[in-house]
Amino acid sequence: MQRFHTTKLFFGKYPYKILLARSDHVDDQQRYTGWTVHNACVFLADNNIEHRMYNQVRHGGKHKKRITINSSLFLRKKDDFEKCINLWRDWIQSVTSPFKDEHVSLLQDRTELIVRKTLLYKKYQYVVAFKREYKDDMSELSEWINDNLKISPKESATAKWYEYGWNPRLYLADENDLVLVKLTHGDRIRSITVVCTFDQLEQQSNQP
């Protein structure tokens, strides 16, 4: 079973993904046991598991006597993810989840994680994108940002603000500033991107 990590929510909602597959002869009665599409649907419904599932069924082999089923299962909760893994382990090809448990809340809070060698402009870990309608006046937001965040001087700035265009965005180096922006202007935020460097991932993976 292969394990992968995701930096986005699947369909904007699900942090977890399981790929399953099985291939059976049509005359084999064992093909009705364990993981099957029907058994999975019953189990997921009986346990009120929030999910999406997409299945592909192919008939092949001599005289089309073999049935191959591939399934992609997307899940909302970690407990359900682990429950399905334990139940259907023998048929699982791969699983995908966020790198760490705390990343789930970030992803679900309109946040996307990106992994790169360095921080943006070598210092900014957060990018806040704001909503902007046609001819929307951003002067009040700009004034608040300049009054409450350290935009300059360039060498010691902890924030960088791009007001113009259809995608105004604020770069932040300090998590406390991110929290302040979310509390003050959360209704205007379109999305949040968190940058994680490869070095940070290495440090996290070495932590107990």
Protein backbone atom coordinates (compact mmCIF):
# COMPACT_ATOMS: atom_id res chain seq x y z
CA MET A 1 0.00 0.00 0.00
CA GLN A 2 1.52 3.29 -1.11
CA ARG A 3 1.16 6.44 0.98
CA PHE A 4 1.02 9.96 -0.44
CA HIS A 5 0.46 13.42 1.01
CA THR A 6 -1.83 16.16 -0.29
CA THR A 7 -1.62 19.94 -0.01
CA LYS A 8 -5.21 20.51 -1.18
CA LEU A 9 -8.68 19.31 -0.31
CA PHE A 10 -10.22 16.95 -2.84
CA PHE A 11 -13.31 18.63 -4.33
CA GLY A 12 -12.64 21.47 -1.90
CA LYS A 13 -13.90 19.34 0.98
CA TYR A 14 -12.17 15.99 1.57
CA PRO A 15 -8.64 15.68 3.07
CA TYR A 16 -8.41 11.89 2.65
CA LYS A 17 -8.39 9.57 -0.35
CA ILE A 18 -8.26 5.78 -0.68
CA LEU A 19 -7.71 3.90 -3.95
CA LEU A 20 -9.02 0.32 -3.98
CA ALA A 21 -8.96 -2.40 -6.60
CA ARG A 22 -9.88 -6.05 -7.01
CA SER A 23 -10.06 -8.51 -9.89
CA ASP A 24 -12.10 -11.72 -9.72
CA HIS A 25 -13.38 -14.49 -11.95
CA VAL A 26 -17.13 -14.19 -12.46
CA ASP A 27 -17.68 -17.71 -11.11
CA ASP A 28 -15.69 -17.10 -7.93
CA GLN A 29 -18.13 -16.74 -5.04
CA GLN A 30 -15.43 -15.02 -2.97
CA ARG A 31 -15.86 -11.92 -5.12
CA TYR A 32 -18.92 -11.06 -3.06
CA THR A 33 -16.97 -10.95 0.21
CA GLY A 34 -14.68 -8.30 1.69
CA TRP A 35 -14.53 -5.03 -0.17
CA THR A 36 -17.02 -4.68 -2.98
CA VAL A 37 -18.84 -1.60 -4.22
CA HIS A 38 -22.08 -2.87 -2.70
CA ASN A 39 -20.51 -3.81 0.65
CA ALA A 40 -18.72 -0.46 0.78
CA CYS A 41 -21.93 1.50 0.10
CA VAL A 42 -23.74 -0.38 2.86
CA PHE A 43 -20.92 0.12 5.35
CA LEU A 44 -20.54 3.83 4.58
CA ALA A 45 -24.29 4.43 4.86
CA ASP A 46 -24.69 2.40 8.08
CA ASN A 47 -21.86 4.36 9.72
CA ASN A 48 -22.99 7.78 8.43
CA ILE A 49 -19.57 8.35 6.86
CA GLU A 50 -19.37 11.55 4.81
CA HIS A 51 -17.75 10.61 1.53
CA ARG A 52 -17.59 10.57 -2.24
CA MET A 53 -16.93 7.37 -4.15
CA TYR A 54 -16.27 6.82 -7.85
CA ASN A 55 -16.12 3.30 -9.31
CA GLN A 56 -14.96 1.79 -12.58
CA VAL A 57 -15.93 -1.74 -13.60
CA ARG A 58 -14.18 -3.53 -16.47
CA HIS A 59 -14.89 -6.96 -17.96
CA GLY A 60 -11.91 -8.68 -19.55
CA GLY A 61 -9.91 -11.85 -19.89
CA LYS A 62 -10.94 -14.95 -21.78
CA HIS A 63 -14.62 -14.74 -22.75
CA LYS A 64 -14.86 -11.70 -20.46
CA LYS A 65 -14.87 -13.96 -17.42
CA ARG A 66 -12.86 -11.59 -15.21
CA ILE A 67 -14.24 -8.48 -13.54
CA THR A 68 -11.88 -5.72 -12.40
CA ILE A 69 -13.16 -2.97 -10.14
CA ASN A 70 -11.28 0.22 -9.27
CA SER A 71 -12.64 2.65 -6.73
CA SER A 72 -11.65 6.12 -5.51
CA LEU A 73 -13.02 6.91 -2.05
CA PHE A 74 -12.79 10.43 -0.59
CA LEU A 75 -13.40 10.98 3.13
CA ARG A 76 -13.94 13.95 5.41
CA LYS A 77 -12.77 12.61 8.81
CA LYS A 78 -9.57 10.93 9.91
CA ASP A 79 -11.41 8.39 12.10
CA ASP A 80 -13.43 7.25 9.08
CA PHE A 81 -10.26 7.17 6.98
CA GLU A 82 -8.52 4.85 9.44
CA LYS A 83 -11.64 2.74 9.87
CA CYS A 84 -11.85 2.11 6.13
CA ILE A 85 -8.13 1.32 5.91
CA ASN A 86 -8.41 -1.28 8.66
CA LEU A 87 -11.50 -2.84 7.12
CA TRP A 88 -10.35 -2.99 3.46
CA ARG A 89 -6.55 -3.11 3.78
CA ASP A 90 -6.22 -6.16 1.50
CA TRP A 91 -7.72 -4.27 -1.46
CA ILE A 92 -6.13 -0.85 -0.95
CA GLN A 93 -3.63 0.30 -3.56
CA SER A 94 -2.77 3.68 -2.04
CA VAL A 95 -3.88 6.22 0.54
CA THR A 96 -3.47 10.00 0.48
CA SER A 97 -3.69 12.35 3.46
CA PRO A 98 -2.31 15.70 4.70
CA PHE A 99 1.29 15.58 5.93
CA LYS A 100 0.28 16.19 9.54
CA ASP A 101 -3.03 16.15 11.42
CA GLU A 102 -2.89 19.89 12.12
CA HIS A 103 -2.77 20.56 8.37
CA VAL A 104 -6.37 19.36 8.05
CA SER A 105 -7.80 22.38 9.87
CA LEU A 106 -5.66 24.67 7.72
CA LEU A 107 -6.93 23.11 4.52
CA GLN A 108 -10.54 23.27 5.66
CA ASP A 109 -10.17 26.96 6.55
CA ARG A 110 -9.96 27.99 2.87
CA THR A 111 -6.25 27.34 3.09
CA GLU A 112 -3.91 25.72 0.60
CA LEU A 113 -0.47 24.38 1.42
CA ILE A 114 2.36 24.64 -1.06
CA VAL A 115 5.80 23.09 -0.68
CA ARG A 116 8.86 24.79 -2.16
CA LYS A 117 12.58 25.23 -1.53
CA THR A 118 12.31 28.69 0.02
CA LEU A 119 9.67 31.01 1.44
CA LEU A 120 8.12 33.56 -0.92
CA TYR A 121 10.54 36.44 -1.44
CA LYS A 122 12.70 34.40 0.98
CA LYS A 123 10.72 35.62 4.00
CA TYR A 124 6.91 35.30 3.64
CA GLN A 125 5.14 32.13 4.74
CA TYR A 126 1.51 33.24 4.30
CA VAL A 127 -0.43 34.72 1.40
CA VAL A 128 -3.90 36.13 1.98
CA ALA A 129 -5.97 36.71 -1.16
CA PHE A 130 -8.93 39.09 -0.83
CA LYS A 131 -12.24 39.21 -2.67
CA ARG A 132 -12.61 42.13 -5.06
CA GLU A 133 -15.76 42.97 -6.96
CA TYR A 134 -15.95 45.28 -9.98
CA LYS A 135 -14.80 48.80 -9.01
CA ASP A 136 -14.56 47.68 -5.37
CA ASP A 137 -12.85 50.34 -3.24
CA MET A 138 -9.91 48.79 -1.35
CA SER A 139 -8.75 52.02 0.28
CA GLU A 140 -10.17 51.19 3.73
CA LEU A 141 -8.46 47.79 3.75
CA SER A 142 -5.20 49.31 2.47
CA GLU A 143 -5.27 51.95 5.18
CA TRP A 144 -5.83 49.32 7.87
CA ILE A 145 -2.97 47.17 6.53
CA ASN A 146 -0.55 50.11 6.44
CA ASP A 147 -1.57 51.22 9.96
CA ASN A 148 -1.44 47.78 11.61
CA LEU A 149 1.22 45.78 9.75
CA LYS A 150 4.91 46.40 9.22
CA ILE A 151 5.08 47.08 5.49
CA SER A 152 8.37 49.00 5.56
CA PRO A 153 11.28 49.50 5.63
CA LYS A 154 11.93 46.73 3.13
CA GLU A 155 14.71 45.05 5.09
CA SER A 156 12.68 44.55 8.26
CA ALA A 157 9.16 44.39 6.78
CA THR A 158 6.98 41.51 7.94
CA ALA A 159 4.24 42.19 5.36
CA LYS A 160 3.98 42.98 1.65
CA TRP A 161 0.74 44.33 0.14
CA TYR A 162 -0.39 44.22 -3.51
CA GLU A 163 -3.60 46.20 -3.77
CA TYR A 164 -4.04 46.47 -7.53
CA GLY A 165 -5.63 44.08 -9.99
CA TRP A 166 -8.41 41.54 -9.53
CA ASN A 167 -6.49 39.53 -6.98
CA PRO A 168 -5.31 41.79 -4.12
CA ARG A 169 -2.99 39.80 -1.90
CA LEU A 170 -1.11 40.26 1.31
CA TYR A 171 2.17 38.45 2.05
CA LEU A 172 2.90 37.83 5.72
CA ALA A 173 5.92 36.53 7.61
CA ASP A 174 4.36 36.43 11.08
CA GLU A 175 1.60 34.02 12.09
CA ASN A 176 0.30 36.56 14.63
CA ASP A 177 -0.32 39.00 11.78
CA LEU A 178 -2.21 36.27 9.93
CA VAL A 179 -4.46 35.71 12.94
CA LEU A 180 -5.05 39.47 13.25
CA VAL A 181 -6.04 39.76 9.57
CA LYS A 182 -8.40 36.78 9.84
CA LEU A 183 -10.08 38.19 12.94
CA THR A 184 -10.44 41.70 11.50
CA HIS A 185 -11.19 41.05 7.82
CA GLY A 186 -12.18 37.40 7.66
CA ASP A 187 -15.31 38.19 5.64
CA ARG A 188 -13.19 39.69 2.85
CA ILE A 189 -10.72 36.81 2.54
CA ARG A 190 -10.96 34.64 -0.56
CA SER A 191 -8.21 32.17 0.31
CA ILE A 192 -5.09 31.65 2.39
CA THR A 193 -1.92 29.95 1.21
CA VAL A 194 0.65 28.61 3.65
CA VAL A 195 4.16 27.97 2.35
CA CYS A 196 6.10 25.06 3.80
CA THR A 197 9.73 24.56 2.84
CA PHE A 198 11.39 21.19 2.32
CA ASP A 199 13.59 21.92 5.35
CA GLN A 200 10.51 22.50 7.50
CA LEU A 201 9.00 19.23 6.31
CA GLU A 202 12.23 17.45 7.22
CA GLN A 203 12.17 18.98 10.69
CA GLN A 204 8.53 17.99 11.19
CA SER A 205 9.16 14.43 10.07
CA ASN A 206 11.96 14.11 12.66
CA GLN A 207 9.76 15.27 15.52
CA PRO A 208 8.22 12.55 17.71
